[in-house]
Amino acid sequence: MKKEDLLTYEFLKQFKTGKDHNGFLAQLQKCGLEAILNGELDPPPLACISFRLVILNFASDLFSA
């Protein structure tokens, strides 16, 4: 399935506010980071230092809880 097939108007119109949209993006990012930490997805290239820092901070928060 292609990304374009998922991002239809019908899907996107459920986000009525910026808060709804940002909540969805945060949830999507969390799922992606968990998949990377579980070895289910490859991390971005090493050049993406800021993304790697986000992963490390997320992992730190996840394991300190």
PDB file of N, CA and C in Angstrom:
ATOM      1  N   MET A   1       0.835  -1.175   0.000  1.00  0.00           N
ATOM      2  CA  MET A   1       0.000   0.000   0.000  1.00  0.00           C
ATOM      3  C   MET A   1       0.888   1.249   0.000  1.00  0.00           C
ATOM      4  N   LYS A   2       0.512   2.230  -0.780  1.00  0.00           N
ATOM      5  CA  LYS A   2       1.284   3.469  -0.874  1.00  0.00           C
ATOM      6  C   LYS A   2       0.777   4.481   0.158  1.00  0.00           C
ATOM      7  N   LYS A   3       1.687   5.372   0.571  1.00  0.00           N
ATOM      8  CA  LYS A   3       1.313   6.430   1.523  1.00  0.00           C
ATOM      9  C   LYS A   3       0.140   7.248   0.999  1.00  0.00           C
ATOM     10  N   GLU A   4       0.154   7.512  -0.303  1.00  0.00           N
ATOM     11  CA  GLU A   4      -0.895   8.327  -0.904  1.00  0.00           C
ATOM     12  C   GLU A   4      -2.273   7.689  -0.742  1.00  0.00           C
ATOM     13  N   ASP A   5      -2.314   6.366  -0.678  1.00  0.00           N
ATOM     14  CA  ASP A   5      -3.583   5.662  -0.505  1.00  0.00           C
ATOM     15  C   ASP A   5      -4.134   5.848   0.913  1.00  0.00           C
ATOM     16  N   LEU A   6      -3.233   6.055   1.872  1.00  0.00           N
ATOM     17  CA  LEU A   6      -3.663   6.227   3.257  1.00  0.00           C
ATOM     18  C   LEU A   6      -4.094   7.662   3.563  1.00  0.00           C
ATOM     19  N   LEU A   7      -3.437   8.619   2.934  1.00  0.00           N
ATOM     20  CA  LEU A   7      -3.683  10.025   3.239  1.00  0.00           C
ATOM     21  C   LEU A   7      -4.768  10.600   2.334  1.00  0.00           C
ATOM     22  N   THR A   8      -5.954  10.073   2.462  1.00  0.00           N
ATOM     23  CA  THR A   8      -7.084  10.547   1.675  1.00  0.00           C
ATOM     24  C   THR A   8      -7.769  11.700   2.394  1.00  0.00           C
ATOM     25  N   TYR A   9      -8.591  12.421   1.674  1.00  0.00           N
ATOM     26  CA  TYR A   9      -9.364  13.503   2.277  1.00  0.00           C
ATOM     27  C   TYR A   9     -10.247  12.955   3.393  1.00  0.00           C
ATOM     28  N   GLU A  10     -10.832  11.799   3.170  1.00  0.00           N
ATOM     29  CA  GLU A  10     -11.696  11.184   4.185  1.00  0.00           C
ATOM     30  C   GLU A  10     -10.940  10.938   5.485  1.00  0.00           C
ATOM     31  N   PHE A  11      -9.701  10.496   5.378  1.00  0.00           N
ATOM     32  CA  PHE A  11      -8.883  10.255   6.565  1.00  0.00           C
ATOM     33  C   PHE A  11      -8.499  11.574   7.230  1.00  0.00           C
ATOM     34  N   LEU A  12      -8.034  12.534   6.433  1.00  0.00           N
ATOM     35  CA  LEU A  12      -7.510  13.781   6.974  1.00  0.00           C
ATOM     36  C   LEU A  12      -8.587  14.679   7.581  1.00  0.00           C
ATOM     37  N   LYS A  13      -9.833  14.562   7.141  1.00  0.00           N
ATOM     38  CA  LYS A  13     -10.862  15.469   7.655  1.00  0.00           C
ATOM     39  C   LYS A  13     -11.264  15.153   9.101  1.00  0.00           C
ATOM     40  N   GLN A  14     -10.760  14.049   9.651  1.00  0.00           N
ATOM     41  CA  GLN A  14     -11.047  13.749  11.052  1.00  0.00           C
ATOM     42  C   GLN A  14     -10.297  14.686  12.002  1.00  0.00           C
ATOM     43  N   PHE A  15      -9.264  15.356  11.520  1.00  0.00           N
ATOM     44  CA  PHE A  15      -8.482  16.273  12.346  1.00  0.00           C
ATOM     45  C   PHE A  15      -9.096  17.661  12.238  1.00  0.00           C
ATOM     46  N   LYS A  16      -9.872  18.013  13.241  1.00  0.00           N
ATOM     47  CA  LYS A  16     -10.622  19.274  13.206  1.00  0.00           C
ATOM     48  C   LYS A  16      -9.785  20.459  13.669  1.00  0.00           C
ATOM     49  N   THR A  17      -8.785  20.202  14.511  1.00  0.00           N
ATOM     50  CA  THR A  17      -7.980  21.289  15.063  1.00  0.00           C
ATOM     51  C   THR A  17      -6.496  20.961  14.912  1.00  0.00           C
ATOM     52  N   GLY A  18      -5.677  21.975  15.136  1.00  0.00           N
ATOM     53  CA  GLY A  18      -4.235  21.750  15.133  1.00  0.00           C
ATOM     54  C   GLY A  18      -3.823  20.788  16.223  1.00  0.00           C
ATOM     55  N   LYS A  19      -4.529  20.840  17.352  1.00  0.00           N
ATOM     56  CA  LYS A  19      -4.238  19.929  18.464  1.00  0.00           C
ATOM     57  C   LYS A  19      -4.492  18.482  18.050  1.00  0.00           C
ATOM     58  N   ASP A  20      -5.578  18.239  17.345  1.00  0.00           N
ATOM     59  CA  ASP A  20      -5.875  16.893  16.835  1.00  0.00           C
ATOM     60  C   ASP A  20      -4.762  16.416  15.905  1.00  0.00           C
ATOM     61  N   HIS A  21      -4.368  17.286  14.998  1.00  0.00           N
ATOM     62  CA  HIS A  21      -3.331  16.959  14.015  1.00  0.00           C
ATOM     63  C   HIS A  21      -2.002  16.676  14.704  1.00  0.00           C
ATOM     64  N   ASN A  22      -1.604  17.549  15.615  1.00  0.00           N
ATOM     65  CA  ASN A  22      -0.329  17.366  16.315  1.00  0.00           C
ATOM     66  C   ASN A  22      -0.348  16.121  17.193  1.00  0.00           C
ATOM     67  N   GLY A  23      -1.486  15.814  17.792  1.00  0.00           N
ATOM     68  CA  GLY A  23      -1.600  14.593  18.588  1.00  0.00           C
ATOM     69  C   GLY A  23      -1.394  13.351  17.740  1.00  0.00           C
ATOM     70  N   PHE A  24      -1.983  13.357  16.544  1.00  0.00           N
ATOM     71  CA  PHE A  24      -1.808  12.228  15.632  1.00  0.00           C
ATOM     72  C   PHE A  24      -0.347  12.092  15.216  1.00  0.00           C
ATOM     73  N   LEU A  25       0.298  13.219  14.877  1.00  0.00           N
ATOM     74  CA  LEU A  25       1.701  13.165  14.464  1.00  0.00           C
ATOM     75  C   LEU A  25       2.599  12.680  15.594  1.00  0.00           C
ATOM     76  N   ALA A  26       2.315  13.099  16.821  1.00  0.00           N
ATOM     77  CA  ALA A  26       3.106  12.639  17.965  1.00  0.00           C
ATOM     78  C   ALA A  26       2.939  11.135  18.161  1.00  0.00           C
ATOM     79  N   GLN A  27       1.710  10.657  18.017  1.00  0.00           N
ATOM     80  CA  GLN A  27       1.450   9.225  18.166  1.00  0.00           C
ATOM     81  C   GLN A  27       2.152   8.435  17.053  1.00  0.00           C
ATOM     82  N   LEU A  28       2.125   8.964  15.841  1.00  0.00           N
ATOM     83  CA  LEU A  28       2.794   8.315  14.711  1.00  0.00           C
ATOM     84  C   LEU A  28       4.302   8.270  14.928  1.00  0.00           C
ATOM     85  N   GLN A  29       4.877   9.367  15.414  1.00  0.00           N
ATOM     86  CA  GLN A  29       6.311   9.412  15.677  1.00  0.00           C
ATOM     87  C   GLN A  29       6.682   8.423  16.778  1.00  0.00           C
ATOM     88  N   LYS A  30       5.876   8.346  17.823  1.00  0.00           N
ATOM     89  CA  LYS A  30       6.142   7.413  18.917  1.00  0.00           C
ATOM     90  C   LYS A  30       6.151   5.965  18.406  1.00  0.00           C
ATOM     91  N   CYS A  31       5.183   5.626  17.574  1.00  0.00           N
ATOM     92  CA  CYS A  31       5.130   4.266  17.011  1.00  0.00           C
ATOM     93  C   CYS A  31       6.359   3.980  16.158  1.00  0.00           C
ATOM     94  N   GLY A  32       6.774   4.967  15.364  1.00  0.00           N
ATOM     95  CA  GLY A  32       7.958   4.787  14.527  1.00  0.00           C
ATOM     96  C   GLY A  32       9.219   4.618  15.347  1.00  0.00           C
ATOM     97  N   LEU A  33       9.366   5.435  16.402  1.00  0.00           N
ATOM     98  CA  LEU A  33      10.548   5.321  17.258  1.00  0.00           C
ATOM     99  C   LEU A  33      10.574   3.987  17.994  1.00  0.00           C
ATOM    100  N   GLU A  34       9.421   3.537  18.459  1.00  0.00           N
ATOM    101  CA  GLU A  34       9.363   2.232  19.128  1.00  0.00           C
ATOM    102  C   GLU A  34       9.743   1.119  18.156  1.00  0.00           C
ATOM    103  N   ALA A  35       9.306   1.227  16.906  1.00  0.00           N
ATOM    104  CA  ALA A  35       9.649   0.210  15.905  1.00  0.00           C
ATOM    105  C   ALA A  35      11.153   0.215  15.633  1.00  0.00           C
ATOM    106  N   ILE A  36      11.769   1.399  15.609  1.00  0.00           N
ATOM    107  CA  ILE A  36      13.225   1.480  15.420  1.00  0.00           C
ATOM    108  C   ILE A  36      13.929   0.846  16.608  1.00  0.00           C
ATOM    109  N   LEU A  37      13.486   1.186  17.823  1.00  0.00           N
ATOM    110  CA  LEU A  37      14.124   0.634  19.022  1.00  0.00           C
ATOM    111  C   LEU A  37      13.955  -0.879  19.117  1.00  0.00           C
ATOM    112  N   ASN A  38      12.858  -1.399  18.588  1.00  0.00           N
ATOM    113  CA  ASN A  38      12.614  -2.843  18.604  1.00  0.00           C
ATOM    114  C   ASN A  38      13.286  -3.554  17.433  1.00  0.00           C
ATOM    115  N   GLY A  39      13.978  -2.797  16.580  1.00  0.00           N
ATOM    116  CA  GLY A  39      14.673  -3.403  15.450  1.00  0.00           C
ATOM    117  C   GLY A  39      13.776  -3.745  14.283  1.00  0.00           C
ATOM    118  N   GLU A  40      12.543  -3.226  14.293  1.00  0.00           N
ATOM    119  CA  GLU A  40      11.603  -3.518  13.210  1.00  0.00           C
ATOM    120  C   GLU A  40      11.783  -2.577  12.024  1.00  0.00           C
ATOM    121  N   LEU A  41      12.400  -1.416  12.246  1.00  0.00           N
ATOM    122  CA  LEU A  41      12.677  -0.440  11.192  1.00  0.00           C
ATOM    123  C   LEU A  41      14.135  -0.036  11.281  1.00  0.00           C
ATOM    124  N   ASP A  42      14.714   0.308  10.145  1.00  0.00           N
ATOM    125  CA  ASP A  42      16.077   0.829  10.134  1.00  0.00           C
ATOM    126  C   ASP A  42      16.053   2.295  10.533  1.00  0.00           C
ATOM    127  N   PRO A  43      17.003   2.710  11.344  1.00  0.00           N
ATOM    128  CA  PRO A  43      17.084   4.136  11.688  1.00  0.00           C
ATOM    129  C   PRO A  43      17.525   4.943  10.478  1.00  0.00           C
ATOM    130  N   PRO A  44      17.297   6.258  10.519  1.00  0.00           N
ATOM    131  CA  PRO A  44      17.760   7.097   9.413  1.00  0.00           C
ATOM    132  C   PRO A  44      19.286   7.100   9.338  1.00  0.00           C
ATOM    133  N   PRO A  45      19.855   7.598   8.251  1.00  0.00           N
ATOM    134  CA  PRO A  45      21.319   7.626   8.122  1.00  0.00           C
ATOM    135  C   PRO A  45      21.983   8.374   9.275  1.00  0.00           C
ATOM    136  N   LEU A  46      23.226   8.047   9.498  1.00  0.00           N
ATOM    137  CA  LEU A  46      23.982   8.649  10.590  1.00  0.00           C
ATOM    138  C   LEU A  46      24.021  10.169  10.498  1.00  0.00           C
ATOM    139  N   ALA A  47      23.895  10.713   9.307  1.00  0.00           N
ATOM    140  CA  ALA A  47      23.928  12.167   9.134  1.00  0.00           C
ATOM    141  C   ALA A  47      22.775  12.852   9.856  1.00  0.00           C
ATOM    142  N   CYS A  48      21.730  12.128  10.184  1.00  0.00           N
ATOM    143  CA  CYS A  48      20.574  12.699  10.875  1.00  0.00           C
ATOM    144  C   CYS A  48      20.828  12.698  12.378  1.00  0.00           C
ATOM    145  N   ILE A  49      21.756  13.502  12.826  1.00  0.00           N
ATOM    146  CA  ILE A  49      22.140  13.539  14.229  1.00  0.00           C
ATOM    147  C   ILE A  49      20.962  13.934  15.112  1.00  0.00           C
ATOM    148  N   SER A  50      20.202  14.945  14.697  1.00  0.00           N
ATOM    149  CA  SER A  50      19.098  15.403  15.545  1.00  0.00           C
ATOM    150  C   SER A  50      18.059  14.306  15.739  1.00  0.00           C
ATOM    151  N   PHE A  51      17.786  13.515  14.700  1.00  0.00           N
ATOM    152  CA  PHE A  51      16.820  12.432  14.836  1.00  0.00           C
ATOM    153  C   PHE A  51      17.340  11.368  15.793  1.00  0.00           C
ATOM    154  N   ARG A  52      18.625  11.092  15.713  1.00  0.00           N
ATOM    155  CA  ARG A  52      19.216  10.107  16.634  1.00  0.00           C
ATOM    156  C   ARG A  52      19.136  10.600  18.076  1.00  0.00           C
ATOM    157  N   LEU A  53      19.300  11.904  18.287  1.00  0.00           N
ATOM    158  CA  LEU A  53      19.164  12.448  19.637  1.00  0.00           C
ATOM    159  C   LEU A  53      17.739  12.292  20.146  1.00  0.00           C
ATOM    160  N   VAL A  54      16.773  12.473  19.274  1.00  0.00           N
ATOM    161  CA  VAL A  54      15.367  12.272  19.654  1.00  0.00           C
ATOM    162  C   VAL A  54      15.164  10.821  20.075  1.00  0.00           C
ATOM    163  N   ILE A  55      15.722   9.885  19.315  1.00  0.00           N
ATOM    164  CA  ILE A  55      15.586   8.459  19.645  1.00  0.00           C
ATOM    165  C   ILE A  55      16.228   8.172  21.003  1.00  0.00           C
ATOM    166  N   LEU A  56      17.409   8.713  21.231  1.00  0.00           N
ATOM    167  CA  LEU A  56      18.083   8.472  22.502  1.00  0.00           C
ATOM    168  C   LEU A  56      17.304   9.065  23.670  1.00  0.00           C
ATOM    169  N   ASN A  57      16.766  10.266  23.498  1.00  0.00           N
ATOM    170  CA  ASN A  57      15.953  10.873  24.555  1.00  0.00           C
ATOM    171  C   ASN A  57      14.698  10.067  24.808  1.00  0.00           C
ATOM    172  N   PHE A  58      14.056   9.591  23.720  1.00  0.00           N
ATOM    173  CA  PHE A  58      12.851   8.785  23.851  1.00  0.00           C
ATOM    174  C   PHE A  58      13.166   7.487  24.598  1.00  0.00           C
ATOM    175  N   ALA A  59      14.270   6.847  24.225  1.00  0.00           N
ATOM    176  CA  ALA A  59      14.646   5.591  24.865  1.00  0.00           C
ATOM    177  C   ALA A  59      14.952   5.839  26.347  1.00  0.00           C
ATOM    178  N   SER A  60      15.617   6.932  26.625  1.00  0.00           N
ATOM    179  CA  SER A  60      15.941   7.261  28.009  1.00  0.00           C
ATOM    180  C   SER A  60      14.672   7.438  28.834  1.00  0.00           C
ATOM    181  N   ASP A  61      13.705   8.177  28.267  1.00  0.00           N
ATOM    182  CA  ASP A  61      12.433   8.386  28.967  1.00  0.00           C
ATOM    183  C   ASP A  61      11.660   7.071  29.114  1.00  0.00           C
ATOM    184  N   LEU A  62      11.719   6.245  28.079  1.00  0.00           N
ATOM    185  CA  LEU A  62      10.982   4.990  28.082  1.00  0.00           C
ATOM    186  C   LEU A  62      11.491   4.050  29.164  1.00  0.00           C
ATOM    187  N   PHE A  63      12.810   3.957  29.315  1.00  0.00           N
ATOM    188  CA  PHE A  63      13.390   3.011  30.253  1.00  0.00           C
ATOM    189  C   PHE A  63      13.510   3.562  31.673  1.00  0.00           C
ATOM    190  N   SER A  64      13.377   4.874  31.832  1.00  0.00           N
ATOM    191  CA  SER A  64      13.456   5.437  33.182  1.00  0.00           C
ATOM    192  C   SER A  64      12.097   5.435  33.866  1.00  0.00           C
ATOM    193  N   ALA A  65      11.044   5.178  33.098  1.00  0.00           N
ATOM    194  CA  ALA A  65       9.684   5.193  33.672  1.00  0.00           C
ATOM    195  C   ALA A  65       9.384   3.933  34.446  1.00  0.00           C
TER     196      ALA A  65
END
